[in-house]
């Protein structure tokens, strides 16, 4: 079992659009569309990681970040936990990615992001899970009206 400190991803949905990033991933040799995300540093609270990665990769800060769920991305291989947070009350700023990291942040209509999942254009697991879970939550909310 590979030991891993874990990672965080941040789901930001405002006015019907979702904040995503495009980033080259060496393991796959391609640019992936993902949620802003990153690794938890030694001794760092995952909520701090989420806020830090959101700011580094997109330039946005959030008034509120709350834990939505914890997933186990590859339980047969590693003990990694991935914390998925929701962020609200965003304020724009300048991004400051890590050295050597090329990240492009952009807003996409949420329905288009779901269509990209269905077409297999968004393949990053944490992003697929967060988008589909949010879609289910919105559907449940609409059904209760």
N, C-alpha and C. Protein backbone atom coordinates (compact mmCIF):
# COMPACT_ATOMS: atom_id res chain seq x y z
N UNK A 1 0.85 -1.19 0.00
CA UNK A 1 0.00 0.00 0.00
C UNK A 1 0.89 1.24 0.00
N UNK A 2 0.62 2.14 -0.91
CA UNK A 2 1.36 3.40 -0.99
C UNK A 2 0.72 4.40 -0.03
N UNK A 3 1.55 4.97 0.85
CA UNK A 3 1.05 5.98 1.79
C UNK A 3 1.00 7.34 1.09
N UNK A 4 -0.07 8.07 1.37
CA UNK A 4 -0.28 9.37 0.71
C UNK A 4 -0.96 10.30 1.70
N UNK A 5 -0.50 11.55 1.81
CA UNK A 5 -1.09 12.52 2.75
C UNK A 5 -2.50 12.94 2.36
N UNK A 6 -2.86 12.73 1.12
CA UNK A 6 -4.21 13.09 0.69
C UNK A 6 -4.22 14.32 -0.18
N UNK A 7 -5.39 14.61 -0.69
CA UNK A 7 -5.55 15.76 -1.56
C UNK A 7 -6.91 16.40 -1.36
N UNK A 8 -7.08 17.55 -1.97
CA UNK A 8 -8.33 18.29 -1.88
C UNK A 8 -8.72 18.79 -3.25
N UNK A 9 -10.01 18.89 -3.47
CA UNK A 9 -10.56 19.50 -4.67
C UNK A 9 -11.66 20.46 -4.23
N UNK A 10 -11.90 21.48 -5.04
CA UNK A 10 -12.87 22.51 -4.66
C UNK A 10 -13.90 22.68 -5.77
N UNK A 11 -15.17 22.48 -5.41
CA UNK A 11 -16.29 22.66 -6.33
C UNK A 11 -16.87 24.06 -6.10
N UNK A 12 -16.81 24.89 -7.14
CA UNK A 12 -17.36 26.24 -7.10
C UNK A 12 -18.43 26.35 -8.18
N UNK A 13 -19.68 26.51 -7.76
CA UNK A 13 -20.77 26.68 -8.72
C UNK A 13 -21.48 27.98 -8.37
N UNK A 14 -21.47 28.91 -9.31
CA UNK A 14 -22.14 30.20 -9.12
C UNK A 14 -22.87 30.58 -10.40
N UNK A 15 -24.09 31.07 -10.25
CA UNK A 15 -24.89 31.55 -11.38
C UNK A 15 -24.94 30.54 -12.54
N UNK A 16 -25.05 29.26 -12.17
CA UNK A 16 -25.20 28.22 -13.19
C UNK A 16 -23.93 27.78 -13.89
N UNK A 17 -22.78 28.26 -13.43
CA UNK A 17 -21.51 27.86 -14.03
C UNK A 17 -20.59 27.27 -12.97
N UNK A 18 -19.65 26.45 -13.43
CA UNK A 18 -18.70 25.79 -12.54
C UNK A 18 -17.29 26.26 -12.90
N UNK A 19 -16.47 26.46 -11.87
CA UNK A 19 -15.09 26.89 -12.05
C UNK A 19 -14.21 25.65 -12.24
N UNK A 20 -13.55 25.58 -13.38
CA UNK A 20 -12.69 24.44 -13.71
C UNK A 20 -11.31 24.93 -14.10
N UNK A 21 -10.37 23.99 -14.17
CA UNK A 21 -9.02 24.30 -14.64
C UNK A 21 -8.62 23.29 -15.71
N UNK A 22 -7.78 23.74 -16.61
CA UNK A 22 -7.13 22.85 -17.57
C UNK A 22 -5.67 22.77 -17.17
N UNK A 23 -5.15 21.53 -17.13
CA UNK A 23 -3.79 21.33 -16.66
C UNK A 23 -3.19 20.10 -17.33
N UNK A 24 -1.95 20.22 -17.78
CA UNK A 24 -1.28 19.07 -18.38
C UNK A 24 -0.93 18.07 -17.27
N UNK A 25 -1.26 16.81 -17.50
CA UNK A 25 -0.96 15.75 -16.54
C UNK A 25 0.02 14.77 -17.19
N UNK A 26 1.24 14.73 -16.68
CA UNK A 26 2.30 13.91 -17.27
C UNK A 26 1.95 12.43 -17.29
N UNK A 27 1.28 11.95 -16.25
CA UNK A 27 0.95 10.52 -16.19
C UNK A 27 0.10 10.08 -17.38
N UNK A 28 -0.67 10.99 -17.93
CA UNK A 28 -1.56 10.65 -19.05
C UNK A 28 -1.11 11.29 -20.37
N UNK A 29 -0.16 12.19 -20.29
CA UNK A 29 0.34 12.84 -21.50
C UNK A 29 -0.68 13.72 -22.19
N UNK A 30 -1.57 14.32 -21.41
CA UNK A 30 -2.60 15.17 -22.00
C UNK A 30 -3.07 16.23 -21.02
N UNK A 31 -3.75 17.22 -21.56
CA UNK A 31 -4.36 18.27 -20.74
C UNK A 31 -5.71 17.76 -20.26
N UNK A 32 -5.94 17.81 -18.95
CA UNK A 32 -7.21 17.37 -18.37
C UNK A 32 -8.00 18.57 -17.87
N UNK A 33 -9.30 18.44 -17.91
CA UNK A 33 -10.22 19.42 -17.32
C UNK A 33 -10.61 18.90 -15.95
N UNK A 34 -10.37 19.72 -14.93
CA UNK A 34 -10.54 19.28 -13.55
C UNK A 34 -11.09 20.41 -12.67
N UNK A 35 -11.46 20.02 -11.45
CA UNK A 35 -11.69 21.00 -10.41
C UNK A 35 -10.33 21.50 -9.93
N UNK A 36 -10.26 22.72 -9.38
CA UNK A 36 -9.02 23.13 -8.73
C UNK A 36 -8.72 22.13 -7.61
N UNK A 37 -7.46 21.71 -7.52
CA UNK A 37 -7.13 20.65 -6.56
C UNK A 37 -5.64 20.62 -6.28
N UNK A 38 -5.28 19.92 -5.22
CA UNK A 38 -3.87 19.74 -4.91
C UNK A 38 -3.66 18.86 -3.70
N UNK A 39 -2.38 18.62 -3.40
CA UNK A 39 -2.00 17.73 -2.31
C UNK A 39 -2.00 18.45 -0.97
N UNK A 40 -2.36 17.72 0.07
CA UNK A 40 -2.30 18.22 1.44
C UNK A 40 -0.83 18.21 1.86
N UNK A 41 -0.34 19.36 2.35
CA UNK A 41 1.03 19.44 2.84
C UNK A 41 1.13 18.80 4.22
N UNK A 42 2.33 18.42 4.61
CA UNK A 42 2.58 17.80 5.91
C UNK A 42 1.99 18.67 7.03
N UNK A 43 1.10 18.09 7.85
CA UNK A 43 0.50 18.78 8.98
C UNK A 43 -0.57 19.81 8.64
N UNK A 44 -0.93 19.92 7.38
CA UNK A 44 -1.90 20.92 6.95
C UNK A 44 -3.33 20.39 7.07
N UNK A 45 -4.23 21.23 7.54
CA UNK A 45 -5.64 20.88 7.57
C UNK A 45 -6.16 20.87 6.13
N UNK A 46 -6.92 19.85 5.74
CA UNK A 46 -7.43 19.79 4.37
C UNK A 46 -8.22 21.03 3.94
N UNK A 47 -8.93 21.67 4.85
CA UNK A 47 -9.67 22.89 4.50
C UNK A 47 -8.71 24.01 4.10
N UNK A 48 -7.57 24.07 4.75
CA UNK A 48 -6.54 25.05 4.41
C UNK A 48 -5.98 24.74 3.02
N UNK A 49 -5.75 23.44 2.77
CA UNK A 49 -5.28 23.02 1.45
C UNK A 49 -6.26 23.45 0.37
N UNK A 50 -7.53 23.22 0.60
CA UNK A 50 -8.56 23.56 -0.39
C UNK A 50 -8.53 25.06 -0.70
N UNK A 51 -8.48 25.89 0.33
CA UNK A 51 -8.45 27.34 0.12
C UNK A 51 -7.16 27.75 -0.60
N UNK A 52 -6.05 27.16 -0.23
CA UNK A 52 -4.76 27.48 -0.85
C UNK A 52 -4.76 27.12 -2.33
N UNK A 53 -5.21 25.91 -2.65
CA UNK A 53 -5.22 25.46 -4.04
C UNK A 53 -6.19 26.27 -4.89
N UNK A 54 -7.34 26.62 -4.33
CA UNK A 54 -8.29 27.47 -5.06
C UNK A 54 -7.62 28.78 -5.46
N UNK A 55 -6.94 29.41 -4.51
CA UNK A 55 -6.27 30.68 -4.77
C UNK A 55 -5.10 30.52 -5.74
N UNK A 56 -4.26 29.51 -5.52
CA UNK A 56 -3.09 29.31 -6.38
C UNK A 56 -3.49 29.07 -7.83
N UNK A 57 -4.46 28.19 -8.03
CA UNK A 57 -4.79 27.76 -9.39
C UNK A 57 -5.75 28.69 -10.12
N UNK A 58 -6.58 29.41 -9.38
CA UNK A 58 -7.61 30.23 -10.04
C UNK A 58 -7.56 31.71 -9.69
N UNK A 59 -6.92 32.06 -8.58
CA UNK A 59 -6.92 33.44 -8.11
C UNK A 59 -8.11 33.78 -7.24
N UNK A 60 -9.07 32.88 -7.12
CA UNK A 60 -10.27 33.15 -6.33
C UNK A 60 -10.05 32.80 -4.86
N UNK A 61 -10.67 33.60 -3.99
CA UNK A 61 -10.77 33.27 -2.57
C UNK A 61 -12.26 33.11 -2.27
N UNK A 62 -12.55 32.35 -1.21
CA UNK A 62 -13.94 32.06 -0.86
C UNK A 62 -14.25 32.53 0.55
N UNK A 63 -15.45 33.07 0.72
CA UNK A 63 -15.92 33.44 2.06
C UNK A 63 -16.14 32.20 2.90
N UNK A 64 -16.61 31.13 2.26
CA UNK A 64 -16.93 29.90 2.98
C UNK A 64 -16.47 28.69 2.17
N UNK A 65 -15.78 27.78 2.85
CA UNK A 65 -15.41 26.50 2.26
C UNK A 65 -15.90 25.43 3.21
N UNK A 66 -16.70 24.49 2.68
CA UNK A 66 -17.23 23.43 3.56
C UNK A 66 -17.00 22.07 2.91
N UNK A 67 -16.73 21.10 3.75
CA UNK A 67 -16.48 19.74 3.28
C UNK A 67 -17.78 19.13 2.76
N UNK A 68 -17.74 18.63 1.54
CA UNK A 68 -18.89 17.95 0.96
C UNK A 68 -18.80 16.45 1.19
N UNK A 69 -17.64 15.87 0.88
CA UNK A 69 -17.44 14.44 1.10
C UNK A 69 -15.97 14.07 0.98
N UNK A 70 -15.67 12.87 1.45
CA UNK A 70 -14.32 12.31 1.36
C UNK A 70 -14.43 11.05 0.52
N UNK A 71 -13.54 10.93 -0.47
CA UNK A 71 -13.55 9.73 -1.31
C UNK A 71 -12.19 9.03 -1.23
N UNK A 72 -12.18 7.75 -1.57
CA UNK A 72 -10.96 6.95 -1.63
C UNK A 72 -10.70 6.66 -3.11
N UNK A 73 -9.80 7.42 -3.76
CA UNK A 73 -9.64 7.31 -5.21
C UNK A 73 -9.16 5.95 -5.72
N UNK A 74 -8.22 5.33 -5.04
CA UNK A 74 -7.72 4.01 -5.48
C UNK A 74 -7.43 3.14 -4.27
N UNK A 75 -8.49 2.60 -3.63
CA UNK A 75 -8.33 1.87 -2.37
C UNK A 75 -7.51 0.58 -2.46
N UNK A 76 -7.33 0.02 -3.64
CA UNK A 76 -6.53 -1.19 -3.76
C UNK A 76 -5.05 -0.90 -3.88
N UNK A 77 -4.68 0.38 -3.92
CA UNK A 77 -3.30 0.76 -4.18
C UNK A 77 -2.71 1.70 -3.13
N UNK A 78 -3.53 2.64 -2.63
CA UNK A 78 -3.03 3.67 -1.74
C UNK A 78 -4.05 3.99 -0.64
N UNK A 79 -3.53 4.59 0.44
CA UNK A 79 -4.41 5.01 1.54
C UNK A 79 -4.88 6.46 1.36
N UNK A 80 -4.69 7.03 0.18
CA UNK A 80 -5.05 8.42 -0.08
C UNK A 80 -6.54 8.67 0.18
N UNK A 81 -6.80 9.79 0.85
CA UNK A 81 -8.16 10.30 1.00
C UNK A 81 -8.22 11.60 0.21
N UNK A 82 -9.29 11.77 -0.52
CA UNK A 82 -9.48 12.98 -1.30
C UNK A 82 -10.69 13.72 -0.73
N UNK A 83 -10.44 14.93 -0.25
CA UNK A 83 -11.48 15.75 0.37
C UNK A 83 -12.06 16.68 -0.69
N UNK A 84 -13.35 16.60 -0.91
CA UNK A 84 -13.99 17.48 -1.88
C UNK A 84 -14.78 18.54 -1.11
N UNK A 85 -14.42 19.79 -1.34
CA UNK A 85 -15.03 20.92 -0.66
C UNK A 85 -15.90 21.70 -1.63
N UNK A 86 -16.88 22.38 -1.07
CA UNK A 86 -17.68 23.33 -1.82
C UNK A 86 -17.28 24.73 -1.37
N UNK A 87 -17.16 25.66 -2.29
CA UNK A 87 -16.77 27.03 -1.95
C UNK A 87 -17.87 27.99 -2.38
N UNK A 88 -18.12 28.98 -1.53
CA UNK A 88 -19.15 29.98 -1.81
C UNK A 88 -18.62 31.37 -1.51
N UNK A 89 -19.25 32.37 -2.09
CA UNK A 89 -18.84 33.75 -1.86
C UNK A 89 -17.47 34.04 -2.43
N UNK A 90 -17.29 33.78 -3.71
CA UNK A 90 -15.98 33.92 -4.33
C UNK A 90 -15.64 35.38 -4.64
N UNK A 91 -14.36 35.70 -4.48
CA UNK A 91 -13.81 36.99 -4.88
C UNK A 91 -12.63 36.72 -5.80
N UNK A 92 -12.59 37.43 -6.93
CA UNK A 92 -11.53 37.21 -7.91
C UNK A 92 -10.24 37.88 -7.48
N UNK A 93 -9.14 37.27 -7.89
CA UNK A 93 -7.80 37.80 -7.65
C UNK A 93 -6.88 37.23 -8.70
N UNK A 94 -5.59 37.35 -8.48
CA UNK A 94 -4.59 36.82 -9.42
C UNK A 94 -4.16 35.43 -9.00
N UNK A 95 -4.12 34.52 -9.96
CA UNK A 95 -3.65 33.16 -9.66
C UNK A 95 -2.14 33.19 -9.48
N UNK A 96 -1.62 32.22 -8.76
CA UNK A 96 -0.18 32.10 -8.54
C UNK A 96 0.17 30.62 -8.41
N UNK A 97 0.14 29.90 -9.54
CA UNK A 97 0.42 28.46 -9.51
C UNK A 97 1.84 28.16 -9.05
N UNK A 98 2.04 26.93 -8.59
CA UNK A 98 3.37 26.49 -8.19
C UNK A 98 4.32 26.59 -9.38
N UNK A 99 5.61 26.71 -9.08
CA UNK A 99 6.61 26.79 -10.14
C UNK A 99 6.52 25.57 -11.05
N UNK A 100 6.53 25.81 -12.34
CA UNK A 100 6.45 24.73 -13.32
C UNK A 100 5.04 24.24 -13.60
N UNK A 101 4.06 24.77 -12.88
CA UNK A 101 2.67 24.35 -13.05
C UNK A 101 1.97 25.33 -13.98
N UNK A 102 1.43 24.82 -15.07
CA UNK A 102 0.67 25.66 -16.00
C UNK A 102 -0.80 25.29 -15.89
N UNK A 103 -1.56 26.21 -15.34
CA UNK A 103 -2.98 25.97 -15.08
C UNK A 103 -3.78 27.11 -15.68
N UNK A 104 -4.84 26.76 -16.39
CA UNK A 104 -5.74 27.76 -16.95
C UNK A 104 -7.11 27.57 -16.31
N UNK A 105 -7.58 28.59 -15.60
CA UNK A 105 -8.89 28.53 -14.95
C UNK A 105 -9.94 29.15 -15.87
N UNK A 106 -11.15 28.59 -15.81
CA UNK A 106 -12.24 29.11 -16.64
C UNK A 106 -13.58 28.69 -16.05
N UNK A 107 -14.61 29.48 -16.34
CA UNK A 107 -15.98 29.17 -15.95
C UNK A 107 -16.67 28.49 -17.13
N UNK A 108 -17.45 27.47 -16.83
CA UNK A 108 -18.18 26.74 -17.86
C UNK A 108 -19.61 26.54 -17.36
N UNK A 109 -20.61 26.74 -18.21
CA UNK A 109 -21.98 26.45 -17.77
C UNK A 109 -22.04 25.03 -17.21
N UNK A 110 -22.70 24.89 -16.05
CA UNK A 110 -22.72 23.59 -15.36
C UNK A 110 -23.27 22.50 -16.27
N UNK A 111 -24.32 22.80 -17.02
CA UNK A 111 -24.92 21.79 -17.90
C UNK A 111 -23.93 21.34 -18.98
N UNK A 112 -23.09 22.25 -19.46
CA UNK A 112 -22.07 21.88 -20.45
C UNK A 112 -21.02 20.97 -19.81
N UNK A 113 -20.66 21.25 -18.55
CA UNK A 113 -19.71 20.38 -17.85
C UNK A 113 -20.28 18.96 -17.73
N UNK A 114 -21.57 18.86 -17.41
CA UNK A 114 -22.21 17.53 -17.34
C UNK A 114 -22.20 16.85 -18.70
N UNK A 115 -22.45 17.61 -19.75
CA UNK A 115 -22.42 17.04 -21.10
C UNK A 115 -21.02 16.54 -21.44
N UNK A 116 -20.00 17.26 -20.98
CA UNK A 116 -18.62 16.82 -21.22
C UNK A 116 -18.32 15.52 -20.49
N UNK A 117 -18.88 15.35 -19.28
CA UNK A 117 -18.73 14.08 -18.56
C UNK A 117 -19.38 12.97 -19.38
N UNK A 118 -20.59 13.21 -19.85
CA UNK A 118 -21.31 12.19 -20.62
C UNK A 118 -20.60 11.83 -21.92
N UNK A 119 -19.92 12.79 -22.53
CA UNK A 119 -19.20 12.53 -23.78
C UNK A 119 -17.80 11.96 -23.53
N UNK A 120 -17.42 11.83 -22.26
CA UNK A 120 -16.09 11.31 -21.94
C UNK A 120 -14.98 12.33 -22.10
N UNK A 121 -15.32 13.60 -22.13
CA UNK A 121 -14.33 14.66 -22.28
C UNK A 121 -13.76 15.12 -20.95
N UNK A 122 -14.50 14.93 -19.87
CA UNK A 122 -13.97 15.13 -18.51
C UNK A 122 -13.82 13.73 -17.93
N UNK A 123 -12.55 13.34 -17.69
CA UNK A 123 -12.27 11.98 -17.24
C UNK A 123 -11.64 11.92 -15.86
N UNK A 124 -11.32 13.06 -15.30
CA UNK A 124 -10.72 13.10 -13.97
C UNK A 124 -11.75 12.64 -12.95
N UNK A 125 -11.41 11.61 -12.18
CA UNK A 125 -12.37 10.98 -11.27
C UNK A 125 -13.00 11.90 -10.26
N UNK A 126 -12.18 12.70 -9.58
CA UNK A 126 -12.72 13.59 -8.54
C UNK A 126 -13.69 14.60 -9.14
N UNK A 127 -13.38 15.05 -10.34
CA UNK A 127 -14.23 16.04 -11.00
C UNK A 127 -15.54 15.41 -11.44
N UNK A 128 -15.47 14.22 -12.00
CA UNK A 128 -16.69 13.50 -12.41
C UNK A 128 -17.59 13.28 -11.20
N UNK A 129 -17.02 12.80 -10.10
CA UNK A 129 -17.80 12.53 -8.89
C UNK A 129 -18.45 13.81 -8.37
N UNK A 130 -17.69 14.88 -8.28
CA UNK A 130 -18.23 16.13 -7.74
C UNK A 130 -19.33 16.70 -8.63
N UNK A 131 -19.13 16.68 -9.94
CA UNK A 131 -20.15 17.22 -10.85
C UNK A 131 -21.43 16.40 -10.81
N UNK A 132 -21.30 15.07 -10.86
CA UNK A 132 -22.50 14.23 -10.83
C UNK A 132 -23.21 14.31 -9.49
N UNK A 133 -22.45 14.37 -8.39
CA UNK A 133 -23.07 14.49 -7.07
C UNK A 133 -23.82 15.81 -6.94
N UNK A 134 -23.22 16.88 -7.45
CA UNK A 134 -23.89 18.18 -7.39
C UNK A 134 -25.17 18.16 -8.24
N UNK A 135 -25.11 17.53 -9.40
CA UNK A 135 -26.30 17.42 -10.25
C UNK A 135 -27.41 16.66 -9.54
N UNK A 136 -27.06 15.58 -8.86
CA UNK A 136 -28.06 14.81 -8.10
C UNK A 136 -28.65 15.65 -6.97
N UNK A 137 -27.80 16.39 -6.26
CA UNK A 137 -28.28 17.23 -5.17
C UNK A 137 -29.23 18.31 -5.69
N UNK A 138 -28.91 18.89 -6.84
CA UNK A 138 -29.79 19.91 -7.42
C UNK A 138 -31.11 19.30 -7.86
N UNK A 139 -31.08 18.10 -8.41
CA UNK A 139 -32.31 17.44 -8.83
C UNK A 139 -33.20 17.15 -7.62
N UNK A 140 -32.59 16.66 -6.53
CA UNK A 140 -33.36 16.39 -5.31
C UNK A 140 -33.97 17.68 -4.77
N UNK A 141 -33.20 18.76 -4.81
CA UNK A 141 -33.70 20.05 -4.33
C UNK A 141 -34.89 20.51 -5.17
N UNK A 142 -34.80 20.35 -6.49
CA UNK A 142 -35.90 20.73 -7.38
C UNK A 142 -37.14 19.88 -7.15
N UNK A 143 -36.95 18.58 -6.86
CA UNK A 143 -38.08 17.68 -6.64
C UNK A 143 -38.83 18.01 -5.36
N UNK A 144 -38.16 18.63 -4.39
CA UNK A 144 -38.79 18.98 -3.11
C UNK A 144 -39.60 20.26 -3.20
N UNK A 145 -39.44 21.00 -4.29
CA UNK A 145 -40.17 22.27 -4.45
C UNK A 145 -41.64 22.03 -4.70
